[in-house]
């Protein structure tokens, strides 16, 4: 007969020294195209949409094509919703996904986009 142990919650440390976190990142980081300094906020947002749905390795294969076609929110807003959803569906299929679950902002979703030009608003 197996014995069930009482639940003991694990508590997270209250403070992680930033030096430890930065050292870990230096050892563990990956060179991903959306982390490069010349990449715009819109392109990073697109990568975030994609990364919510599929592994990094698959996003790496399609993200460059996507941002080449629609490099800005304005470019996406100028596209028809059908074009954006068709491209998203094509990507989702290649990534092993089906349907338009969590589709990216379409032409309707990008009509109003605020993007800071400096870090001051943050």
PDB file of N, CA and C in Angstrom:
ATOM      1  N   UNK A   1       0.839  -1.173   0.000  1.00  0.00           N
ATOM      2  CA  UNK A   1       0.000   0.000   0.000  1.00  0.00           C
ATOM      3  C   UNK A   1       0.891   1.246   0.000  1.00  0.00           C
ATOM      4  N   UNK A   2       0.581   2.185  -0.902  1.00  0.00           N
ATOM      5  CA  UNK A   2       1.390   3.402  -0.959  1.00  0.00           C
ATOM      6  C   UNK A   2       0.953   4.388   0.115  1.00  0.00           C
ATOM      7  N   UNK A   3       1.885   5.161   0.495  1.00  0.00           N
ATOM      8  CA  UNK A   3       1.626   6.129   1.549  1.00  0.00           C
ATOM      9  C   UNK A   3       1.570   7.531   0.934  1.00  0.00           C
ATOM     10  N   UNK A   4       0.551   8.272   1.257  1.00  0.00           N
ATOM     11  CA  UNK A   4       0.409   9.633   0.747  1.00  0.00           C
ATOM     12  C   UNK A   4       0.993  10.589   1.770  1.00  0.00           C
ATOM     13  N   UNK A   5       1.958  11.351   1.311  1.00  0.00           N
ATOM     14  CA  UNK A   5       2.595  12.319   2.197  1.00  0.00           C
ATOM     15  C   UNK A   5       1.792  13.613   2.212  1.00  0.00           C
ATOM     16  N   UNK A   6       1.797  14.300   3.330  1.00  0.00           N
ATOM     17  CA  UNK A   6       1.059  15.566   3.377  1.00  0.00           C
ATOM     18  C   UNK A   6       1.681  16.592   2.430  1.00  0.00           C
ATOM     19  N   UNK A   7       0.833  17.430   1.877  1.00  0.00           N
ATOM     20  CA  UNK A   7       1.267  18.485   0.964  1.00  0.00           C
ATOM     21  C   UNK A   7       2.117  19.502   1.710  1.00  0.00           C
ATOM     22  N   UNK A   8       3.262  19.781   1.138  1.00  0.00           N
ATOM     23  CA  UNK A   8       4.137  20.797   1.716  1.00  0.00           C
ATOM     24  C   UNK A   8       4.453  21.816   0.626  1.00  0.00           C
ATOM     25  N   UNK A   9       3.866  22.986   0.725  1.00  0.00           N
ATOM     26  CA  UNK A   9       4.102  23.980  -0.326  1.00  0.00           C
ATOM     27  C   UNK A   9       5.565  24.394  -0.388  1.00  0.00           C
ATOM     28  N   UNK A  10       6.006  24.640  -1.586  1.00  0.00           N
ATOM     29  CA  UNK A  10       7.367  25.118  -1.803  1.00  0.00           C
ATOM     30  C   UNK A  10       7.293  26.629  -1.928  1.00  0.00           C
ATOM     31  N   UNK A  11       8.088  27.298  -1.188  1.00  0.00           N
ATOM     32  CA  UNK A  11       8.072  28.758  -1.267  1.00  0.00           C
ATOM     33  C   UNK A  11       9.243  29.242  -2.105  1.00  0.00           C
ATOM     34  N   UNK A  12       8.965  30.232  -2.891  1.00  0.00           N
ATOM     35  CA  UNK A  12      10.007  30.832  -3.718  1.00  0.00           C
ATOM     36  C   UNK A  12      10.847  31.757  -2.850  1.00  0.00           C
ATOM     37  N   UNK A  13      12.107  31.888  -3.190  1.00  0.00           N
ATOM     38  CA  UNK A  13      12.925  32.823  -2.417  1.00  0.00           C
ATOM     39  C   UNK A  13      12.363  34.236  -2.547  1.00  0.00           C
ATOM     40  N   UNK A  14      12.462  34.986  -1.500  1.00  0.00           N
ATOM     41  CA  UNK A  14      11.937  36.347  -1.511  1.00  0.00           C
ATOM     42  C   UNK A  14      12.797  37.289  -2.352  1.00  0.00           C
ATOM     43  N   UNK A  15      14.061  36.954  -2.480  1.00  0.00           N
ATOM     44  CA  UNK A  15      14.955  37.845  -3.218  1.00  0.00           C
ATOM     45  C   UNK A  15      16.008  37.011  -3.945  1.00  0.00           C
ATOM     46  N   UNK A  16      16.173  37.282  -5.210  1.00  0.00           N
ATOM     47  CA  UNK A  16      17.248  36.661  -5.981  1.00  0.00           C
ATOM     48  C   UNK A  16      18.190  37.790  -6.374  1.00  0.00           C
ATOM     49  N   UNK A  17      19.427  37.722  -5.943  1.00  0.00           N
ATOM     50  CA  UNK A  17      20.364  38.796  -6.299  1.00  0.00           C
ATOM     51  C   UNK A  17      20.460  38.949  -7.818  1.00  0.00           C
ATOM     52  N   UNK A  18      20.398  40.165  -8.287  1.00  0.00           N
ATOM     53  CA  UNK A  18      20.419  40.410  -9.731  1.00  0.00           C
ATOM     54  C   UNK A  18      21.692  39.871 -10.370  1.00  0.00           C
ATOM     55  N   UNK A  19      22.792  39.877  -9.660  1.00  0.00           N
ATOM     56  CA  UNK A  19      24.042  39.340 -10.209  1.00  0.00           C
ATOM     57  C   UNK A  19      23.891  37.855 -10.534  1.00  0.00           C
ATOM     58  N   UNK A  20      23.178  37.122  -9.688  1.00  0.00           N
ATOM     59  CA  UNK A  20      22.949  35.695  -9.948  1.00  0.00           C
ATOM     60  C   UNK A  20      22.109  35.505 -11.206  1.00  0.00           C
ATOM     61  N   UNK A  21      21.065  36.298 -11.327  1.00  0.00           N
ATOM     62  CA  UNK A  21      20.187  36.199 -12.486  1.00  0.00           C
ATOM     63  C   UNK A  21      20.931  36.563 -13.765  1.00  0.00           C
ATOM     64  N   UNK A  22      21.703  37.616 -13.729  1.00  0.00           N
ATOM     65  CA  UNK A  22      22.470  38.026 -14.906  1.00  0.00           C
ATOM     66  C   UNK A  22      23.529  36.991 -15.274  1.00  0.00           C
ATOM     67  N   UNK A  23      24.164  36.391 -14.289  1.00  0.00           N
ATOM     68  CA  UNK A  23      25.160  35.347 -14.559  1.00  0.00           C
ATOM     69  C   UNK A  23      24.501  34.129 -15.196  1.00  0.00           C
ATOM     70  N   UNK A  24      23.330  33.760 -14.692  1.00  0.00           N
ATOM     71  CA  UNK A  24      22.604  32.636 -15.288  1.00  0.00           C
ATOM     72  C   UNK A  24      22.255  32.944 -16.738  1.00  0.00           C
ATOM     73  N   UNK A  25      21.754  34.149 -16.994  1.00  0.00           N
ATOM     74  CA  UNK A  25      21.380  34.521 -18.359  1.00  0.00           C
ATOM     75  C   UNK A  25      22.591  34.495 -19.280  1.00  0.00           C
ATOM     76  N   UNK A  26      23.710  34.968 -18.809  1.00  0.00           N
ATOM     77  CA  UNK A  26      24.928  34.972 -19.622  1.00  0.00           C
ATOM     78  C   UNK A  26      25.316  33.547 -20.031  1.00  0.00           C
ATOM     79  N   UNK A  27      25.133  32.592 -19.136  1.00  0.00           N
ATOM     80  CA  UNK A  27      25.452  31.187 -19.431  1.00  0.00           C
ATOM     81  C   UNK A  27      24.389  30.521 -20.304  1.00  0.00           C
ATOM     82  N   UNK A  28      23.139  30.926 -20.162  1.00  0.00           N
ATOM     83  CA  UNK A  28      22.024  30.173 -20.739  1.00  0.00           C
ATOM     84  C   UNK A  28      21.349  30.814 -21.945  1.00  0.00           C
ATOM     85  N   UNK A  29      21.634  32.052 -22.232  1.00  0.00           N
ATOM     86  CA  UNK A  29      20.891  32.759 -23.280  1.00  0.00           C
ATOM     87  C   UNK A  29      21.092  32.126 -24.650  1.00  0.00           C
ATOM     88  N   UNK A  30      20.107  32.367 -25.489  1.00  0.00           N
ATOM     89  CA  UNK A  30      20.179  31.911 -26.875  1.00  0.00           C
ATOM     90  C   UNK A  30      20.166  33.130 -27.787  1.00  0.00           C
ATOM     91  N   UNK A  31      20.833  32.999 -28.911  1.00  0.00           N
ATOM     92  CA  UNK A  31      20.839  34.083 -29.890  1.00  0.00           C
ATOM     93  C   UNK A  31      19.575  33.956 -30.731  1.00  0.00           C
ATOM     94  N   UNK A  32      18.565  34.725 -30.378  1.00  0.00           N
ATOM     95  CA  UNK A  32      17.293  34.687 -31.087  1.00  0.00           C
ATOM     96  C   UNK A  32      17.121  35.996 -31.854  1.00  0.00           C
ATOM     97  N   UNK A  33      16.632  35.924 -33.084  1.00  0.00           N
ATOM     98  CA  UNK A  33      16.592  37.129 -33.924  1.00  0.00           C
ATOM     99  C   UNK A  33      15.761  38.269 -33.344  1.00  0.00           C
ATOM    100  N   UNK A  34      14.722  37.967 -32.587  1.00  0.00           N
ATOM    101  CA  UNK A  34      13.881  39.033 -32.027  1.00  0.00           C
ATOM    102  C   UNK A  34      14.511  39.691 -30.806  1.00  0.00           C
ATOM    103  N   UNK A  35      15.676  39.221 -30.378  1.00  0.00           N
ATOM    104  CA  UNK A  35      16.390  39.851 -29.261  1.00  0.00           C
ATOM    105  C   UNK A  35      17.457  40.828 -29.735  1.00  0.00           C
ATOM    106  N   UNK A  36      17.653  40.909 -31.011  1.00  0.00           N
ATOM    107  CA  UNK A  36      18.699  41.779 -31.540  1.00  0.00           C
ATOM    108  C   UNK A  36      18.278  43.247 -31.435  1.00  0.00           C
ATOM    109  N   UNK A  37      19.247  44.149 -31.269  1.00  0.00           N
ATOM    110  CA  UNK A  37      18.910  45.559 -31.027  1.00  0.00           C
ATOM    111  C   UNK A  37      18.192  46.258 -32.179  1.00  0.00           C
ATOM    112  N   UNK A  38      18.339  45.768 -33.398  1.00  0.00           N
ATOM    113  CA  UNK A  38      17.702  46.438 -34.533  1.00  0.00           C
ATOM    114  C   UNK A  38      16.264  45.976 -34.778  1.00  0.00           C
ATOM    115  N   UNK A  39      15.733  45.123 -33.935  1.00  0.00           N
ATOM    116  CA  UNK A  39      14.378  44.591 -34.104  1.00  0.00           C
ATOM    117  C   UNK A  39      13.388  45.513 -33.404  1.00  0.00           C
ATOM    118  N   UNK A  40      12.309  45.828 -34.118  1.00  0.00           N
ATOM    119  CA  UNK A  40      11.306  46.740 -33.578  1.00  0.00           C
ATOM    120  C   UNK A  40      10.333  46.063 -32.628  1.00  0.00           C
ATOM    121  N   UNK A  41       9.607  46.899 -31.910  1.00  0.00           N
ATOM    122  CA  UNK A  41       8.637  46.407 -30.922  1.00  0.00           C
ATOM    123  C   UNK A  41       7.567  45.533 -31.567  1.00  0.00           C
ATOM    124  N   UNK A  42       7.108  45.904 -32.759  1.00  0.00           N
ATOM    125  CA  UNK A  42       6.085  45.110 -33.436  1.00  0.00           C
ATOM    126  C   UNK A  42       6.603  43.701 -33.729  1.00  0.00           C
ATOM    127  N   UNK A  43       7.820  43.611 -34.212  1.00  0.00           N
ATOM    128  CA  UNK A  43       8.395  42.315 -34.551  1.00  0.00           C
ATOM    129  C   UNK A  43       8.572  41.453 -33.306  1.00  0.00           C
ATOM    130  N   UNK A  44       8.915  42.078 -32.198  1.00  0.00           N
ATOM    131  CA  UNK A  44       9.021  41.343 -30.935  1.00  0.00           C
ATOM    132  C   UNK A  44       7.649  40.848 -30.505  1.00  0.00           C
ATOM    133  N   UNK A  45       6.632  41.698 -30.653  1.00  0.00           N
ATOM    134  CA  UNK A  45       5.270  41.301 -30.291  1.00  0.00           C
ATOM    135  C   UNK A  45       4.809  40.105 -31.123  1.00  0.00           C
ATOM    136  N   UNK A  46       5.110  40.120 -32.419  1.00  0.00           N
ATOM    137  CA  UNK A  46       4.753  38.987 -33.280  1.00  0.00           C
ATOM    138  C   UNK A  46       5.436  37.718 -32.778  1.00  0.00           C
ATOM    139  N   UNK A  47       6.702  37.821 -32.400  1.00  0.00           N
ATOM    140  CA  UNK A  47       7.394  36.630 -31.882  1.00  0.00           C
ATOM    141  C   UNK A  47       6.712  36.132 -30.614  1.00  0.00           C
ATOM    142  N   UNK A  48       6.246  37.046 -29.769  1.00  0.00           N
ATOM    143  CA  UNK A  48       5.559  36.646 -28.537  1.00  0.00           C
ATOM    144  C   UNK A  48       4.266  35.898 -28.845  1.00  0.00           C
ATOM    145  N   UNK A  49       3.503  36.376 -29.827  1.00  0.00           N
ATOM    146  CA  UNK A  49       2.295  35.655 -30.230  1.00  0.00           C
ATOM    147  C   UNK A  49       2.650  34.237 -30.677  1.00  0.00           C
ATOM    148  N   UNK A  50       3.668  34.137 -31.513  1.00  0.00           N
ATOM    149  CA  UNK A  50       4.061  32.828 -32.027  1.00  0.00           C
ATOM    150  C   UNK A  50       4.578  31.921 -30.914  1.00  0.00           C
ATOM    151  N   UNK A  51       5.376  32.481 -30.025  1.00  0.00           N
ATOM    152  CA  UNK A  51       5.983  31.676 -28.962  1.00  0.00           C
ATOM    153  C   UNK A  51       4.968  31.186 -27.935  1.00  0.00           C
ATOM    154  N   UNK A  52       3.809  31.813 -27.869  1.00  0.00           N
ATOM    155  CA  UNK A  52       2.766  31.327 -26.965  1.00  0.00           C
ATOM    156  C   UNK A  52       2.200  30.006 -27.451  1.00  0.00           C
ATOM    157  N   UNK A  53       2.410  29.703 -28.711  1.00  0.00           N
ATOM    158  CA  UNK A  53       1.740  28.561 -29.310  1.00  0.00           C
ATOM    159  C   UNK A  53       2.639  27.412 -29.729  1.00  0.00           C
ATOM    160  N   UNK A  54       3.913  27.643 -29.831  1.00  0.00           N
ATOM    161  CA  UNK A  54       4.768  26.601 -30.395  1.00  0.00           C
ATOM    162  C   UNK A  54       6.217  26.782 -29.926  1.00  0.00           C
ATOM    163  N   UNK A  55       7.025  25.743 -30.024  1.00  0.00           N
ATOM    164  CA  UNK A  55       8.421  25.826 -29.574  1.00  0.00           C
ATOM    165  C   UNK A  55       9.251  26.836 -30.376  1.00  0.00           C
ATOM    166  N   UNK A  56      10.284  27.322 -29.747  1.00  0.00           N
ATOM    167  CA  UNK A  56      11.174  28.306 -30.358  1.00  0.00           C
ATOM    168  C   UNK A  56      11.712  27.805 -31.694  1.00  0.00           C
ATOM    169  N   UNK A  57      12.094  26.552 -31.776  1.00  0.00           N
ATOM    170  CA  UNK A  57      12.689  26.027 -33.013  1.00  0.00           C
ATOM    171  C   UNK A  57      11.757  26.195 -34.206  1.00  0.00           C
ATOM    172  N   UNK A  58      10.477  26.051 -33.991  1.00  0.00           N
ATOM    173  CA  UNK A  58       9.527  26.218 -35.093  1.00  0.00           C
ATOM    174  C   UNK A  58       9.282  27.687 -35.407  1.00  0.00           C
ATOM    175  N   UNK A  59       9.277  28.521 -34.388  1.00  0.00           N
ATOM    176  CA  UNK A  59       9.100  29.959 -34.620  1.00  0.00           C
ATOM    177  C   UNK A  59      10.284  30.503 -35.421  1.00  0.00           C
ATOM    178  N   UNK A  60      11.473  29.997 -35.145  1.00  0.00           N
ATOM    179  CA  UNK A  60      12.660  30.439 -35.882  1.00  0.00           C
ATOM    180  C   UNK A  60      12.528  30.208 -37.383  1.00  0.00           C
ATOM    181  N   UNK A  61      11.761  29.207 -37.774  1.00  0.00           N
ATOM    182  CA  UNK A  61      11.644  28.892 -39.197  1.00  0.00           C
ATOM    183  C   UNK A  61      10.661  29.793 -39.938  1.00  0.00           C
ATOM    184  N   UNK A  62       9.747  30.456 -39.254  1.00  0.00           N
ATOM    185  CA  UNK A  62       8.732  31.251 -39.936  1.00  0.00           C
ATOM    186  C   UNK A  62       8.782  32.734 -39.589  1.00  0.00           C
ATOM    187  N   UNK A  63       9.253  33.086 -38.413  1.00  0.00           N
ATOM    188  CA  UNK A  63       9.251  34.485 -37.976  1.00  0.00           C
ATOM    189  C   UNK A  63       9.920  35.426 -38.982  1.00  0.00           C
ATOM    190  N   UNK A  64      11.094  35.081 -39.544  1.00  0.00           N
ATOM    191  CA  UNK A  64      11.719  36.004 -40.506  1.00  0.00           C
ATOM    192  C   UNK A  64      10.823  36.305 -41.708  1.00  0.00           C
ATOM    193  N   UNK A  65      10.134  35.294 -42.228  1.00  0.00           N
ATOM    194  CA  UNK A  65       9.234  35.521 -43.367  1.00  0.00           C
ATOM    195  C   UNK A  65       8.081  36.432 -42.981  1.00  0.00           C
ATOM    196  N   UNK A  66       7.545  36.201 -41.781  1.00  0.00           N
ATOM    197  CA  UNK A  66       6.400  36.995 -41.323  1.00  0.00           C
ATOM    198  C   UNK A  66       6.779  38.476 -41.207  1.00  0.00           C
ATOM    199  N   UNK A  67       7.897  38.763 -40.536  1.00  0.00           N
ATOM    200  CA  UNK A  67       8.267  40.166 -40.326  1.00  0.00           C
ATOM    201  C   UNK A  67       8.817  40.811 -41.601  1.00  0.00           C
ATOM    202  N   UNK A  68       9.250  40.020 -42.539  1.00  0.00           N
ATOM    203  CA  UNK A  68       9.643  40.574 -43.836  1.00  0.00           C
ATOM    204  C   UNK A  68       8.390  41.044 -44.578  1.00  0.00           C
ATOM    205  N   UNK A  69       7.324  40.261 -44.462  1.00  0.00           N
ATOM    206  CA  UNK A  69       6.071  40.606 -45.147  1.00  0.00           C
ATOM    207  C   UNK A  69       5.356  41.758 -44.455  1.00  0.00           C
ATOM    208  N   UNK A  70       5.304  41.735 -43.120  1.00  0.00           N
ATOM    209  CA  UNK A  70       4.625  42.770 -42.333  1.00  0.00           C
ATOM    210  C   UNK A  70       5.582  43.255 -41.242  1.00  0.00           C
ATOM    211  N   UNK A  71       6.527  44.124 -41.580  1.00  0.00           N
ATOM    212  CA  UNK A  71       7.544  44.534 -40.615  1.00  0.00           C
ATOM    213  C   UNK A  71       7.050  45.477 -39.516  1.00  0.00           C
ATOM    214  N   UNK A  72       5.892  46.084 -39.725  1.00  0.00           N
ATOM    215  CA  UNK A  72       5.373  47.051 -38.751  1.00  0.00           C
ATOM    216  C   UNK A  72       3.890  46.808 -38.505  1.00  0.00           C
ATOM    217  N   UNK A  73       3.398  47.412 -37.440  1.00  0.00           N
ATOM    218  CA  UNK A  73       1.963  47.337 -37.165  1.00  0.00           C
ATOM    219  C   UNK A  73       1.187  48.003 -38.294  1.00  0.00           C
ATOM    220  N   UNK A  74       1.715  49.083 -38.839  1.00  0.00           N
ATOM    221  CA  UNK A  74       1.045  49.775 -39.942  1.00  0.00           C
ATOM    222  C   UNK A  74       0.931  48.887 -41.173  1.00  0.00           C
ATOM    223  N   UNK A  75       1.984  48.144 -41.465  1.00  0.00           N
ATOM    224  CA  UNK A  75       1.942  47.237 -42.614  1.00  0.00           C
ATOM    225  C   UNK A  75       0.900  46.149 -42.398  1.00  0.00           C
ATOM    226  N   UNK A  76       0.809  45.651 -41.182  1.00  0.00           N
ATOM    227  CA  UNK A  76      -0.195  44.634 -40.877  1.00  0.00           C
ATOM    228  C   UNK A  76      -1.587  45.239 -40.952  1.00  0.00           C
ATOM    229  N   UNK A  77      -1.741  46.457 -40.461  1.00  0.00           N
ATOM    230  CA  UNK A  77      -3.042  47.125 -40.499  1.00  0.00           C
ATOM    231  C   UNK A  77      -3.500  47.369 -41.929  1.00  0.00           C
ATOM    232  N   UNK A  78      -2.558  47.578 -42.840  1.00  0.00           N
ATOM    233  CA  UNK A  78      -2.904  47.815 -44.238  1.00  0.00           C
ATOM    234  C   UNK A  78      -3.316  46.531 -44.956  1.00  0.00           C
ATOM    235  N   UNK A  79      -2.954  45.397 -44.410  1.00  0.00           N
ATOM    236  CA  UNK A  79      -3.317  44.107 -45.015  1.00  0.00           C
ATOM    237  C   UNK A  79      -4.769  43.779 -44.687  1.00  0.00           C
ATOM    238  N   UNK A  80      -5.339  42.915 -45.487  1.00  0.00           N
ATOM    239  CA  UNK A  80      -6.694  42.469 -45.162  1.00  0.00           C
ATOM    240  C   UNK A  80      -6.613  41.425 -44.057  1.00  0.00           C
ATOM    241  N   UNK A  81      -7.673  41.350 -43.294  1.00  0.00           N
ATOM    242  CA  UNK A  81      -7.727  40.330 -42.239  1.00  0.00           C
ATOM    243  C   UNK A  81      -7.582  38.946 -42.853  1.00  0.00           C
ATOM    244  N   UNK A  82      -8.156  38.753 -44.033  1.00  0.00           N
ATOM    245  CA  UNK A  82      -8.075  37.449 -44.701  1.00  0.00           C
ATOM    246  C   UNK A  82      -6.627  37.083 -45.010  1.00  0.00           C
ATOM    247  N   UNK A  83      -5.840  38.057 -45.499  1.00  0.00           N
ATOM    248  CA  UNK A  83      -4.429  37.781 -45.803  1.00  0.00           C
ATOM    249  C   UNK A  83      -3.646  37.417 -44.548  1.00  0.00           C
ATOM    250  N   UNK A  84      -3.869  38.169 -43.477  1.00  0.00           N
ATOM    251  CA  UNK A  84      -3.156  37.902 -42.228  1.00  0.00           C
ATOM    252  C   UNK A  84      -3.540  36.533 -41.683  1.00  0.00           C
ATOM    253  N   UNK A  85      -4.835  36.244 -41.669  1.00  0.00           N
ATOM    254  CA  UNK A  85      -5.286  34.952 -41.142  1.00  0.00           C
ATOM    255  C   UNK A  85      -4.845  33.794 -42.029  1.00  0.00           C
ATOM    256  N   UNK A  86      -4.809  34.011 -43.331  1.00  0.00           N
ATOM    257  CA  UNK A  86      -4.336  32.957 -44.241  1.00  0.00           C
ATOM    258  C   UNK A  86      -2.865  32.652 -43.962  1.00  0.00           C
ATOM    259  N   UNK A  87      -2.064  33.704 -43.810  1.00  0.00           N
ATOM    260  CA  UNK A  87      -0.640  33.506 -43.507  1.00  0.00           C
ATOM    261  C   UNK A  87      -0.470  32.852 -42.146  1.00  0.00           C
ATOM    262  N   UNK A  88      -1.271  33.285 -41.181  1.00  0.00           N
ATOM    263  CA  UNK A  88      -1.191  32.692 -39.840  1.00  0.00           C
ATOM    264  C   UNK A  88      -1.583  31.222 -39.896  1.00  0.00           C
ATOM    265  N   UNK A  89      -2.631  30.907 -40.636  1.00  0.00           N
ATOM    266  CA  UNK A  89      -3.053  29.512 -40.770  1.00  0.00           C
ATOM    267  C   UNK A  89      -1.986  28.665 -41.432  1.00  0.00           C
ATOM    268  N   UNK A  90      -1.317  29.232 -42.442  1.00  0.00           N
ATOM    269  CA  UNK A  90      -0.229  28.524 -43.115  1.00  0.00           C
ATOM    270  C   UNK A  90       0.911  28.266 -42.138  1.00  0.00           C
ATOM    271  N   UNK A  91       1.256  29.296 -41.351  1.00  0.00           N
ATOM    272  CA  UNK A  91       2.301  29.126 -40.352  1.00  0.00           C
ATOM    273  C   UNK A  91       1.888  28.096 -39.312  1.00  0.00           C
ATOM    274  N   UNK A  92       0.648  28.192 -38.830  1.00  0.00           N
ATOM    275  CA  UNK A  92       0.177  27.275 -37.790  1.00  0.00           C
ATOM    276  C   UNK A  92       0.240  25.835 -38.281  1.00  0.00           C
ATOM    277  N   UNK A  93      -0.112  25.621 -39.542  1.00  0.00           N
ATOM    278  CA  UNK A  93      -0.064  24.273 -40.105  1.00  0.00           C
ATOM    279  C   UNK A  93       1.373  23.765 -40.146  1.00  0.00           C
ATOM    280  N   UNK A  94       2.297  24.607 -40.607  1.00  0.00           N
ATOM    281  CA  UNK A  94       3.705  24.200 -40.660  1.00  0.00           C
ATOM    282  C   UNK A  94       4.280  23.988 -39.273  1.00  0.00           C
ATOM    283  N   UNK A  95       3.736  24.685 -38.291  1.00  0.00           N
ATOM    284  CA  UNK A  95       4.226  24.559 -36.918  1.00  0.00           C
ATOM    285  C   UNK A  95       3.555  23.409 -36.184  1.00  0.00           C
ATOM    286  N   UNK A  96       2.662  22.694 -36.876  1.00  0.00           N
ATOM    287  CA  UNK A  96       1.992  21.576 -36.232  1.00  0.00           C
ATOM    288  C   UNK A  96       0.756  21.978 -35.464  1.00  0.00           C
ATOM    289  N   UNK A  97       0.256  23.178 -35.719  1.00  0.00           N
ATOM    290  CA  UNK A  97      -0.945  23.665 -35.051  1.00  0.00           C
ATOM    291  C   UNK A  97      -2.090  23.632 -36.055  1.00  0.00           C
ATOM    292  N   UNK A  98      -3.293  23.696 -35.548  1.00  0.00           N
ATOM    293  CA  UNK A  98      -4.428  23.764 -36.463  1.00  0.00           C
ATOM    294  C   UNK A  98      -5.299  24.948 -36.089  1.00  0.00           C
ATOM    295  N   UNK A  99      -5.918  25.526 -37.078  1.00  0.00           N
ATOM    296  CA  UNK A  99      -6.834  26.628 -36.819  1.00  0.00           C
ATOM    297  C   UNK A  99      -6.120  27.929 -36.529  1.00  0.00           C
ATOM    298  N   UNK A 100      -6.893  28.890 -36.120  1.00  0.00           N
ATOM    299  CA  UNK A 100      -6.367  30.224 -35.877  1.00  0.00           C
ATOM    300  C   UNK A 100      -6.334  30.541 -34.391  1.00  0.00           C
ATOM    301  N   UNK A 101      -6.061  29.578 -33.563  1.00  0.00           N
ATOM    302  CA  UNK A 101      -6.037  29.843 -32.130  1.00  0.00           C
ATOM    303  C   UNK A 101      -5.015  30.920 -31.827  1.00  0.00           C
ATOM    304  N   UNK A 102      -5.428  31.879 -31.048  1.00  0.00           N
ATOM    305  CA  UNK A 102      -4.570  33.007 -30.679  1.00  0.00           C
ATOM    306  C   UNK A 102      -3.906  33.655 -31.886  1.00  0.00           C
ATOM    307  N   UNK A 103      -4.694  33.873 -32.916  1.00  0.00           N
ATOM    308  CA  UNK A 103      -4.148  34.512 -34.111  1.00  0.00           C
ATOM    309  C   UNK A 103      -3.566  35.867 -33.751  1.00  0.00           C
ATOM    310  N   UNK A 104      -2.586  36.310 -34.524  1.00  0.00           N
ATOM    311  CA  UNK A 104      -1.944  37.586 -34.221  1.00  0.00           C
ATOM    312  C   UNK A 104      -2.890  38.737 -34.523  1.00  0.00           C
ATOM    313  N   UNK A 105      -2.497  39.920 -34.159  1.00  0.00           N
ATOM    314  CA  UNK A 105      -3.343  41.056 -34.496  1.00  0.00           C
ATOM    315  C   UNK A 105      -3.569  41.111 -35.999  1.00  0.00           C
ATOM    316  N   UNK A 106      -4.788  41.200 -36.391  1.00  0.00           N
ATOM    317  CA  UNK A 106      -5.109  41.296 -37.813  1.00  0.00           C
ATOM    318  C   UNK A 106      -5.196  42.764 -38.181  1.00  0.00           C
ATOM    319  N   UNK A 107      -5.674  43.037 -39.372  1.00  0.00           N
ATOM    320  CA  UNK A 107      -5.764  44.431 -39.788  1.00  0.00           C
ATOM    321  C   UNK A 107      -6.673  45.216 -38.854  1.00  0.00           C
ATOM    322  N   UNK A 108      -7.691  44.578 -38.294  1.00  0.00           N
ATOM    323  CA  UNK A 108      -8.570  45.280 -37.357  1.00  0.00           C
ATOM    324  C   UNK A 108      -7.873  45.489 -36.013  1.00  0.00           C
ATOM    325  N   UNK A 109      -7.082  44.526 -35.596  1.00  0.00           N
ATOM    326  CA  UNK A 109      -6.451  44.606 -34.282  1.00  0.00           C
ATOM    327  C   UNK A 109      -5.278  45.557 -34.212  1.00  0.00           C
ATOM    328  N   UNK A 110      -4.771  45.963 -35.354  1.00  0.00           N
ATOM    329  CA  UNK A 110      -3.609  46.849 -35.346  1.00  0.00           C
ATOM    330  C   UNK A 110      -3.967  48.276 -35.707  1.00  0.00           C
ATOM    331  N   UNK A 111      -5.235  48.573 -35.777  1.00  0.00           N
ATOM    332  CA  UNK A 111      -5.644  49.924 -36.143  1.00  0.00           C
ATOM    333  C   UNK A 111      -5.122  50.950 -35.148  1.00  0.00           C
ATOM    334  N   UNK A 112      -5.184  50.628 -33.870  1.00  0.00           N
ATOM    335  CA  UNK A 112      -4.692  51.537 -32.839  1.00  0.00           C
ATOM    336  C   UNK A 112      -3.556  50.839 -32.110  1.00  0.00           C
ATOM    337  N   UNK A 113      -2.359  51.345 -32.285  1.00  0.00           N
ATOM    338  CA  UNK A 113      -1.205  50.771 -31.609  1.00  0.00           C
ATOM    339  C   UNK A 113      -0.354  51.913 -31.083  1.00  0.00           C
ATOM    340  N   UNK A 114       0.003  51.837 -29.820  1.00  0.00           N
ATOM    341  CA  UNK A 114       0.865  52.844 -29.225  1.00  0.00           C
ATOM    342  C   UNK A 114       2.227  52.222 -29.042  1.00  0.00           C
ATOM    343  N   UNK A 115       3.232  52.919 -29.488  1.00  0.00           N
ATOM    344  CA  UNK A 115       4.591  52.421 -29.338  1.00  0.00           C
ATOM    345  C   UNK A 115       5.463  53.560 -28.836  1.00  0.00           C
ATOM    346  N   UNK A 116       6.042  53.417 -27.648  1.00  0.00           N
ATOM    347  CA  UNK A 116       6.877  54.497 -27.127  1.00  0.00           C
ATOM    348  C   UNK A 116       8.136  54.663 -27.958  1.00  0.00           C
ATOM    349  N   UNK A 117       8.599  55.868 -28.048  1.00  0.00           N
ATOM    350  CA  UNK A 117       9.832  56.127 -28.788  1.00  0.00           C
ATOM    351  C   UNK A 117      11.031  56.223 -27.852  1.00  0.00           C
ATOM    352  N   UNK A 118      10.759  56.342 -26.563  1.00  0.00           N
ATOM    353  CA  UNK A 118      11.834  56.339 -25.570  1.00  0.00           C
ATOM    354  C   UNK A 118      11.388  55.468 -24.401  1.00  0.00           C
ATOM    355  N   UNK A 119      12.282  55.256 -23.459  1.00  0.00           N
ATOM    356  CA  UNK A 119      11.920  54.451 -22.296  1.00  0.00           C
ATOM    357  C   UNK A 119      11.201  55.268 -21.228  1.00  0.00           C
ATOM    358  N   UNK A 120      11.062  56.578 -21.400  1.00  0.00           N
ATOM    359  CA  UNK A 120      10.429  57.428 -20.385  1.00  0.00           C
ATOM    360  C   UNK A 120       9.022  56.983 -20.003  1.00  0.00           C
ATOM    361  N   UNK A 121       8.145  56.618 -20.974  1.00  0.00           N
ATOM    362  CA  UNK A 121       6.794  56.218 -20.567  1.00  0.00           C
ATOM    363  C   UNK A 121       6.782  54.994 -19.660  1.00  0.00           C
ATOM    364  N   UNK A 122       7.820  54.203 -19.701  1.00  0.00           N
ATOM    365  CA  UNK A 122       7.843  52.986 -18.892  1.00  0.00           C
ATOM    366  C   UNK A 122       8.243  53.348 -17.493  1.00  0.00           C
TER     367      UNK A 122
END
